[in-house]
Amino acid sequence: MNSFALAARYGTPASYQHQDEYLQLNYGSEAAGCKVIVLVDQAQHVIGWTSSGAMCANWAP
């Protein structure tokens, strides 16, 4: 999956930041019950993700 498909499926991230050659996209929040962090490379491909919170059971890029 690339970041464009990710945006189409999950919407705009709540925030983002640069991590060396990667872009970290932050979705949701702990307060909402699900926080998801997705790393994408310079070609906009998802290279890794993690989630935390009770409401995240069905979330996967």
N, C-alpha and C. Protein backbone atom coordinates (compact mmCIF):
# COMPACT_ATOMS: atom_id res chain seq x y z
N MET A 1 0.85 -1.17 0.00
CA MET A 1 0.00 0.00 0.00
C MET A 1 0.89 1.24 0.00
N ASN A 2 0.49 2.26 -0.73
CA ASN A 2 1.24 3.52 -0.70
C ASN A 2 0.47 4.56 0.10
N SER A 3 1.08 5.70 0.31
CA SER A 3 0.46 6.71 1.17
C SER A 3 -0.81 7.29 0.56
N PHE A 4 -0.94 7.26 -0.77
CA PHE A 4 -2.16 7.77 -1.41
C PHE A 4 -3.33 6.83 -1.15
N ALA A 5 -3.10 5.52 -1.22
CA ALA A 5 -4.14 4.55 -0.89
C ALA A 5 -4.48 4.62 0.59
N LEU A 6 -3.47 4.84 1.41
CA LEU A 6 -3.67 4.97 2.85
C LEU A 6 -4.58 6.16 3.15
N ALA A 7 -4.33 7.28 2.50
CA ALA A 7 -5.15 8.49 2.70
C ALA A 7 -6.57 8.27 2.21
N ALA A 8 -6.74 7.57 1.09
CA ALA A 8 -8.07 7.30 0.56
C ALA A 8 -8.86 6.41 1.52
N ARG A 9 -8.17 5.48 2.16
CA ARG A 9 -8.84 4.52 3.05
C ARG A 9 -9.08 5.08 4.45
N TYR A 10 -8.10 5.81 5.02
CA TYR A 10 -8.18 6.24 6.41
C TYR A 10 -8.26 7.75 6.60
N GLY A 11 -8.15 8.52 5.54
CA GLY A 11 -8.26 9.96 5.67
C GLY A 11 -6.92 10.63 5.94
N THR A 12 -7.00 11.88 6.30
CA THR A 12 -5.83 12.69 6.57
C THR A 12 -5.27 12.37 7.95
N PRO A 13 -3.96 12.21 8.07
CA PRO A 13 -3.39 11.95 9.39
C PRO A 13 -3.58 13.15 10.32
N ALA A 14 -3.64 12.87 11.63
CA ALA A 14 -3.78 13.94 12.62
C ALA A 14 -2.54 14.81 12.66
N SER A 15 -1.36 14.21 12.41
CA SER A 15 -0.11 14.95 12.36
C SER A 15 0.92 14.10 11.62
N TYR A 16 2.05 14.70 11.34
CA TYR A 16 3.14 13.99 10.68
C TYR A 16 4.46 14.61 11.09
N GLN A 17 5.54 13.87 10.88
CA GLN A 17 6.87 14.41 11.11
C GLN A 17 7.88 13.63 10.29
N HIS A 18 8.99 14.27 9.97
CA HIS A 18 10.06 13.62 9.22
C HIS A 18 10.95 12.83 10.16
N GLN A 19 11.29 11.61 9.77
CA GLN A 19 12.20 10.73 10.51
C GLN A 19 13.30 10.31 9.55
N ASP A 20 14.36 11.09 9.46
CA ASP A 20 15.44 10.85 8.50
C ASP A 20 14.86 10.79 7.09
N GLU A 21 15.00 9.64 6.41
CA GLU A 21 14.49 9.55 5.03
C GLU A 21 13.04 9.08 4.98
N TYR A 22 12.39 8.95 6.15
CA TYR A 22 11.00 8.48 6.21
C TYR A 22 10.07 9.59 6.67
N LEU A 23 8.80 9.41 6.40
CA LEU A 23 7.76 10.31 6.89
C LEU A 23 6.88 9.50 7.83
N GLN A 24 6.70 10.01 9.04
CA GLN A 24 5.85 9.35 10.03
C GLN A 24 4.48 10.01 10.00
N LEU A 25 3.44 9.22 9.72
CA LEU A 25 2.06 9.71 9.71
C LEU A 25 1.38 9.21 10.97
N ASN A 26 0.72 10.11 11.68
CA ASN A 26 0.06 9.78 12.94
C ASN A 26 -1.45 9.89 12.76
N TYR A 27 -2.14 8.78 12.98
CA TYR A 27 -3.60 8.72 12.86
C TYR A 27 -4.22 8.49 14.22
N GLY A 28 -5.41 9.05 14.45
CA GLY A 28 -6.14 8.82 15.69
C GLY A 28 -5.45 9.42 16.89
N SER A 29 -5.86 8.93 18.07
CA SER A 29 -5.27 9.41 19.32
C SER A 29 -5.55 8.40 20.43
N GLU A 30 -4.76 8.45 21.47
CA GLU A 30 -5.00 7.59 22.63
C GLU A 30 -6.37 7.91 23.23
N ALA A 31 -6.75 9.19 23.25
CA ALA A 31 -8.04 9.59 23.81
C ALA A 31 -9.22 8.98 23.05
N ALA A 32 -9.05 8.80 21.74
CA ALA A 32 -10.10 8.20 20.92
C ALA A 32 -10.09 6.68 20.98
N GLY A 33 -9.07 6.10 21.63
CA GLY A 33 -9.00 4.66 21.79
C GLY A 33 -8.14 3.94 20.77
N CYS A 34 -7.57 4.68 19.84
CA CYS A 34 -6.70 4.06 18.84
C CYS A 34 -5.73 5.09 18.28
N LYS A 35 -4.45 4.83 18.44
CA LYS A 35 -3.42 5.68 17.86
C LYS A 35 -2.59 4.80 16.93
N VAL A 36 -2.41 5.24 15.70
CA VAL A 36 -1.69 4.47 14.69
C VAL A 36 -0.56 5.32 14.13
N ILE A 37 0.63 4.73 14.05
CA ILE A 37 1.79 5.40 13.46
C ILE A 37 2.21 4.59 12.24
N VAL A 38 2.31 5.27 11.10
CA VAL A 38 2.68 4.64 9.85
C VAL A 38 3.94 5.31 9.32
N LEU A 39 4.94 4.52 8.90
CA LEU A 39 6.14 5.07 8.27
C LEU A 39 6.07 4.82 6.77
N VAL A 40 6.32 5.88 6.00
CA VAL A 40 6.38 5.75 4.54
C VAL A 40 7.74 6.21 4.05
N ASP A 41 8.21 5.61 2.96
CA ASP A 41 9.51 5.98 2.40
C ASP A 41 9.34 7.10 1.39
N GLN A 42 10.43 7.50 0.77
CA GLN A 42 10.40 8.62 -0.18
C GLN A 42 9.59 8.30 -1.42
N ALA A 43 9.38 7.03 -1.73
CA ALA A 43 8.55 6.63 -2.86
C ALA A 43 7.08 6.52 -2.46
N GLN A 44 6.75 6.93 -1.23
CA GLN A 44 5.39 6.92 -0.68
C GLN A 44 4.84 5.52 -0.42
N HIS A 45 5.73 4.53 -0.21
CA HIS A 45 5.31 3.18 0.15
C HIS A 45 5.32 3.01 1.66
N VAL A 46 4.31 2.35 2.19
CA VAL A 46 4.26 2.04 3.62
C VAL A 46 5.34 1.02 3.92
N ILE A 47 6.22 1.34 4.85
CA ILE A 47 7.30 0.40 5.19
C ILE A 47 7.14 -0.19 6.59
N GLY A 48 6.25 0.36 7.38
CA GLY A 48 6.00 -0.18 8.70
C GLY A 48 4.90 0.59 9.40
N TRP A 49 4.29 -0.06 10.38
CA TRP A 49 3.25 0.61 11.15
C TRP A 49 3.11 -0.05 12.50
N THR A 50 2.53 0.68 13.44
CA THR A 50 2.24 0.17 14.77
C THR A 50 0.97 0.85 15.26
N SER A 51 0.28 0.19 16.16
CA SER A 51 -0.93 0.78 16.73
C SER A 51 -1.02 0.46 18.20
N SER A 52 -1.77 1.30 18.92
CA SER A 52 -2.00 1.05 20.34
C SER A 52 -3.40 1.56 20.68
N GLY A 53 -4.05 0.86 21.58
CA GLY A 53 -5.39 1.25 22.02
C GLY A 53 -6.39 0.14 21.79
N ALA A 54 -7.43 0.11 22.60
CA ALA A 54 -8.43 -0.95 22.56
C ALA A 54 -9.27 -0.94 21.29
N MET A 55 -9.40 0.20 20.65
CA MET A 55 -10.25 0.31 19.46
C MET A 55 -9.51 0.03 18.15
N CYS A 56 -8.27 -0.43 18.22
CA CYS A 56 -7.45 -0.63 17.03
C CYS A 56 -7.52 -2.04 16.44
N ALA A 57 -8.33 -2.90 16.97
CA ALA A 57 -8.31 -4.31 16.58
C ALA A 57 -8.46 -4.53 15.07
N ASN A 58 -9.24 -3.71 14.39
CA ASN A 58 -9.50 -3.92 12.96
C ASN A 58 -8.69 -3.01 12.05
N TRP A 59 -7.70 -2.32 12.59
CA TRP A 59 -6.94 -1.37 11.79
C TRP A 59 -5.66 -2.02 11.28
N ALA A 60 -5.47 -2.01 9.98
CA ALA A 60 -4.22 -2.49 9.38
C ALA A 60 -4.09 -1.88 8.00
N PRO A 61 -2.95 -1.25 7.73
CA PRO A 61 -2.77 -0.67 6.39
C PRO A 61 -2.54 -1.74 5.34
